[in-house]
Protein backbone atom coordinates (compact mmCIF):
# COMPACT_ATOMS: atom_id res chain seq x y z
CA UNK A 1 4.08 -18.63 17.64
CA UNK A 2 4.70 -21.08 20.23
CA UNK A 3 7.71 -19.11 21.72
CA UNK A 4 5.22 -16.10 21.86
CA UNK A 5 2.57 -18.30 23.66
CA UNK A 6 5.36 -19.38 26.11
CA UNK A 7 6.61 -15.75 26.93
CA UNK A 8 3.18 -14.63 27.57
CA UNK A 9 2.75 -17.18 30.12
CA UNK A 10 5.88 -16.01 31.71
CA UNK A 11 5.32 -12.40 30.81
CA UNK A 12 2.00 -12.32 33.20
CA UNK A 13 4.15 -12.61 36.24
CA UNK A 14 6.36 -10.08 35.17
CA UNK A 15 4.08 -7.01 34.43
CA UNK A 16 2.43 -5.24 31.64
CA UNK A 17 5.39 -4.25 29.62
CA UNK A 18 6.77 -7.79 29.27
CA UNK A 19 3.05 -8.96 28.16
CA UNK A 20 3.01 -6.31 25.72
CA UNK A 21 6.20 -7.39 24.28
CA UNK A 22 4.99 -10.98 24.07
CA UNK A 23 1.85 -9.82 22.48
CA UNK A 24 3.80 -8.04 20.00
CA UNK A 25 5.75 -11.35 18.76
CA UNK A 26 2.33 -13.16 18.73
CA UNK A 27 0.99 -10.70 16.44
CA UNK A 28 3.77 -10.66 13.93
CA UNK A 29 3.51 -14.77 14.02
CA UNK A 30 0.05 -14.43 13.31
CA UNK A 31 0.51 -12.16 10.26
CA UNK A 32 2.88 -14.63 9.26
CA UNK A 33 0.46 -17.21 8.91
CA UNK A 34 -2.37 -15.01 7.61
CA UNK A 35 -4.24 -15.42 11.03
CA UNK A 36 -5.42 -11.75 10.95
CA UNK A 37 -7.92 -11.81 13.37
CA UNK A 38 -5.35 -13.31 16.39
CA UNK A 39 -2.98 -10.69 14.81
CA UNK A 40 -5.15 -7.91 15.13
CA UNK A 41 -6.47 -8.98 19.13
CA UNK A 42 -2.75 -9.51 19.97
CA UNK A 43 -1.35 -6.11 18.23
CA UNK A 44 -4.23 -4.37 20.31
CA UNK A 45 -2.91 -5.88 23.50
CA UNK A 46 0.27 -4.88 23.04
CA UNK A 47 -0.87 -1.51 23.05
CA UNK A 48 -0.84 0.58 26.29
CA UNK A 49 -0.41 4.65 26.56
CA UNK A 50 2.85 4.22 28.48
CA UNK A 51 4.29 1.91 25.95
CA UNK A 52 2.93 3.96 22.81
CA UNK A 53 5.81 6.27 21.72
CA UNK A 54 9.07 5.40 20.63
CA UNK A 55 8.13 1.89 20.66
CA UNK A 56 8.41 -1.08 17.93
CA UNK A 57 4.96 -2.00 18.99
CA UNK A 58 3.30 1.48 17.05
CA UNK A 59 3.97 -0.02 13.68
CA UNK A 60 3.22 -3.40 14.18
CA UNK A 61 -0.58 -2.18 15.38
CA UNK A 62 -0.29 -0.30 12.22
CA UNK A 63 0.20 -3.46 10.08
CA UNK A 64 -2.46 -5.63 11.91
CA UNK A 65 -4.98 -2.52 11.45
CA UNK A 66 -4.25 -2.20 7.90
CA UNK A 67 -4.66 -5.97 7.33
CA UNK A 68 -7.97 -5.89 8.92
CA UNK A 69 -8.90 -2.83 6.84
CA UNK A 70 -8.93 -0.32 9.30
CA UNK A 71 -7.17 2.65 7.29
CA UNK A 72 -7.54 5.55 9.20
CA UNK A 73 -6.07 3.67 12.64
CA UNK A 74 -3.31 2.59 10.34
CA UNK A 75 -2.93 6.16 9.02
CA UNK A 76 -2.70 7.49 12.21
CA UNK A 77 -0.18 5.33 13.54
CA UNK A 78 2.11 5.45 10.73
CA UNK A 79 2.13 9.26 10.57
CA UNK A 80 3.14 9.21 14.31
CA UNK A 81 5.83 6.55 14.09
CA UNK A 82 7.33 7.99 10.89
CA UNK A 83 7.66 11.58 12.88
CA UNK A 84 10.31 9.60 15.45
CA UNK A 85 11.44 6.29 13.95
CA UNK A 86 14.81 5.86 12.86
CA UNK A 87 16.85 3.59 10.95
CA UNK A 88 15.88 -0.23 10.89
CA UNK A 89 12.46 0.97 12.79
CA UNK A 90 11.76 3.72 10.24
CA UNK A 91 12.36 1.24 7.41
CA UNK A 92 9.75 -0.84 9.06
CA UNK A 93 7.23 1.66 9.19
CA UNK A 94 7.97 2.92 5.84
CA UNK A 95 7.00 -0.31 4.54
CA UNK A 96 3.47 -0.37 6.32
CA UNK A 97 3.46 2.86 5.01
CA UNK A 98 3.75 2.06 1.61
CA UNK A 99 1.43 -0.81 1.78
CA UNK A 100 -1.10 1.61 3.29
CA UNK A 101 -0.65 4.24 0.58
CA UNK A 102 -1.27 1.41 -2.13
CA UNK A 103 -4.54 0.33 0.01
CA UNK A 104 -5.48 4.22 -0.55
CA UNK A 105 -4.75 4.10 -4.57
CA UNK A 106 -1.91 6.96 -3.77
CA UNK A 107 0.78 4.99 -5.54
CA UNK A 108 3.11 8.12 -5.76
CA UNK A 109 2.78 8.33 -1.81
CA UNK A 110 3.45 4.38 -1.75
CA UNK A 111 6.83 5.12 -4.43
CA UNK A 112 8.37 7.79 -2.15
CA UNK A 113 7.87 5.65 0.74
CA UNK A 114 9.50 2.77 -0.80
CA UNK A 115 12.45 4.65 -2.03
CA UNK A 116 13.14 6.23 1.13
CA UNK A 117 13.14 2.53 2.67
CA UNK A 118 15.33 1.09 0.08
CA UNK A 119 17.97 4.08 0.84
CA UNK A 120 17.90 3.24 4.54
CA UNK A 121 18.47 -0.61 3.45
CA UNK A 122 21.72 0.74 1.24
CA UNK A 123 22.88 3.06 3.90
CA UNK A 124 22.71 0.37 6.69
CA UNK A 125 23.75 -2.43 4.59
CA UNK A 126 20.95 -4.49 5.64
CA UNK A 127 18.58 -6.97 3.54
CA UNK A 128 16.24 -7.66 6.07
CA UNK A 129 12.74 -6.58 4.61
CA UNK A 130 14.14 -5.74 1.56
CA UNK A 131 12.09 -8.51 -0.84
CA UNK A 132 8.81 -6.66 0.93
CA UNK A 133 9.88 -3.50 -0.66
CA UNK A 134 10.93 -4.93 -3.89
CA UNK A 135 7.41 -6.60 -4.27
CA UNK A 136 5.48 -3.66 -3.35
CA UNK A 137 7.41 -1.47 -5.57
CA UNK A 138 6.56 -4.22 -8.34
CA UNK A 139 3.05 -3.71 -7.31
CA UNK A 140 2.87 -0.23 -8.14
CA UNK A 141 5.21 -0.58 -11.09
CA UNK A 142 2.93 -2.84 -12.64
CA UNK A 143 -0.19 -0.42 -12.30
CA UNK A 144 2.11 2.47 -14.14
CA UNK A 145 2.13 -0.04 -16.99
CA UNK A 146 6.07 -1.28 -16.32
CA UNK A 147 5.93 -4.93 -16.40
CA UNK A 148 9.40 -5.55 -17.39
CA UNK A 149 10.89 -3.01 -14.46
CA UNK A 150 8.14 -5.21 -12.17
CA UNK A 151 8.92 -8.67 -13.21
CA UNK A 152 12.73 -7.94 -12.47
CA UNK A 153 11.90 -6.59 -9.12
CA UNK A 154 9.92 -9.87 -7.97
CA UNK A 155 12.97 -12.10 -9.28
CA UNK A 156 15.03 -9.80 -7.25
CA UNK A 157 12.99 -10.03 -4.07
CA UNK A 158 12.91 -14.11 -4.80
CA UNK A 159 16.76 -14.28 -4.96
CA UNK A 160 16.72 -12.20 -1.70
CA UNK A 161 14.59 -14.76 0.05
CA UNK A 162 16.25 -17.70 -1.09
CA UNK A 163 19.25 -15.94 0.37
CA UNK A 164 17.96 -15.11 3.81
CA UNK A 165 15.13 -17.36 4.08
CA UNK A 166 12.89 -14.42 5.10
CA UNK A 167 9.41 -15.22 4.19
CA UNK A 168 6.39 -12.88 2.67
CA UNK A 169 3.37 -12.86 5.57
CA UNK A 170 0.68 -14.86 4.18
CA UNK A 171 -1.47 -11.90 4.82
CA UNK A 172 0.47 -10.25 1.87
CA UNK A 173 0.03 -13.31 -0.40
CA UNK A 174 -3.04 -12.29 -2.37
CA UNK A 175 -1.80 -8.78 -3.48
CA UNK A 176 1.33 -10.58 -4.56
CA UNK A 177 -0.23 -13.07 -6.31
CA UNK A 178 -2.48 -10.66 -8.62
CA UNK A 179 0.85 -8.73 -9.49
CA UNK A 180 2.49 -12.06 -10.67
CA UNK A 181 -0.69 -12.93 -12.51
CA UNK A 182 -1.02 -9.84 -14.26
CA UNK A 183 2.75 -9.86 -15.56
CA UNK A 184 2.51 -13.44 -16.87
CA UNK A 185 -0.79 -12.65 -18.58
CA UNK A 186 0.75 -9.03 -20.11
CA UNK A 187 4.22 -10.49 -21.26
CA UNK A 188 3.59 -13.78 -21.69
CA UNK A 189 5.39 -17.00 -19.88
CA UNK A 190 8.66 -17.03 -21.93
CA UNK A 191 8.82 -13.39 -21.44
CA UNK A 192 8.23 -13.33 -17.84
CA UNK A 193 10.72 -15.92 -16.92
CA UNK A 194 13.65 -14.11 -18.81
CA UNK A 195 12.65 -11.00 -17.38
CA UNK A 196 12.34 -12.55 -13.67
CA UNK A 197 15.76 -14.42 -14.46
CA UNK A 198 17.34 -11.30 -15.14
CA UNK A 199 16.01 -9.65 -11.55
CA UNK A 200 16.99 -12.97 -9.84
CA UNK A 201 20.61 -12.67 -11.06
CA UNK A 202 21.20 -9.53 -9.31
CA UNK A 203 22.96 -8.77 -6.66
CA UNK A 204 21.80 -7.25 -3.67
CA UNK A 205 23.57 -3.94 -4.32
CA UNK A 206 22.77 -3.98 -8.16
CA UNK A 207 18.81 -4.75 -7.22
CA UNK A 208 18.92 -1.52 -4.90
CA UNK A 209 20.32 0.28 -7.62
CA UNK A 210 17.99 -0.89 -10.10
CA UNK A 211 15.06 -0.09 -7.92
CA UNK A 212 16.25 3.30 -7.43
CA UNK A 213 16.88 3.78 -11.19
CA UNK A 214 15.35 7.40 -12.04
CA UNK A 215 14.67 8.06 -8.11
CA UNK A 216 17.47 9.44 -6.97
CA UNK A 217 18.58 13.19 -5.85
CA UNK A 218 18.95 15.19 -9.16
CA UNK A 219 21.75 17.64 -8.94
CA UNK A 220 21.75 21.06 -10.96
CA UNK A 221 24.59 21.07 -13.61
CA UNK A 222 27.72 23.45 -13.04
CA UNK A 223 27.10 25.31 -16.12
CA UNK A 224 24.32 25.65 -18.96
């Protein structure tokens, strides 16, 4: 946040593009500490017509819109971003799209977005953002009575966060805590800890394979 605020002071002397980029950084810093109002204001300030298409700002503004409950705006921006984003930025957009689908109570859509994002992680050999994907998938899975799988996914996410030092944005903490509380109540503390440890022990590659289990492309048999 301090870096973004310093950047803003410099950017105002350099032009609108640089100011927009600095606001983009500020919005993420605010999301990370749970300051939704600042995040949303900075997100909107990072946005102007000439900077709209093919910019990382689009999924940032979608995420801040989702955080303040502006679901229609978030949906419009996510749909636009998915029409052209690729690689890492598509993965980030898909994460927002999945959170939006969960908020809209469309779990099948959320799972589809999460699966595509996890595939991108595998293809690019990147684990950045993977913990968020696992936690979102756990949220959907527990709602579908998949308590053991959801707990392993949470354990795998925790291992990734320990490895990468990547933290969950506080704005998403409440949903995560509800998921964990539901799992503990349903499984019991001892069983929860066992399943969590199983997930924590997975390598990133094995965790990806586990998360995608039963969701990959199915091929028609050669005969029969």
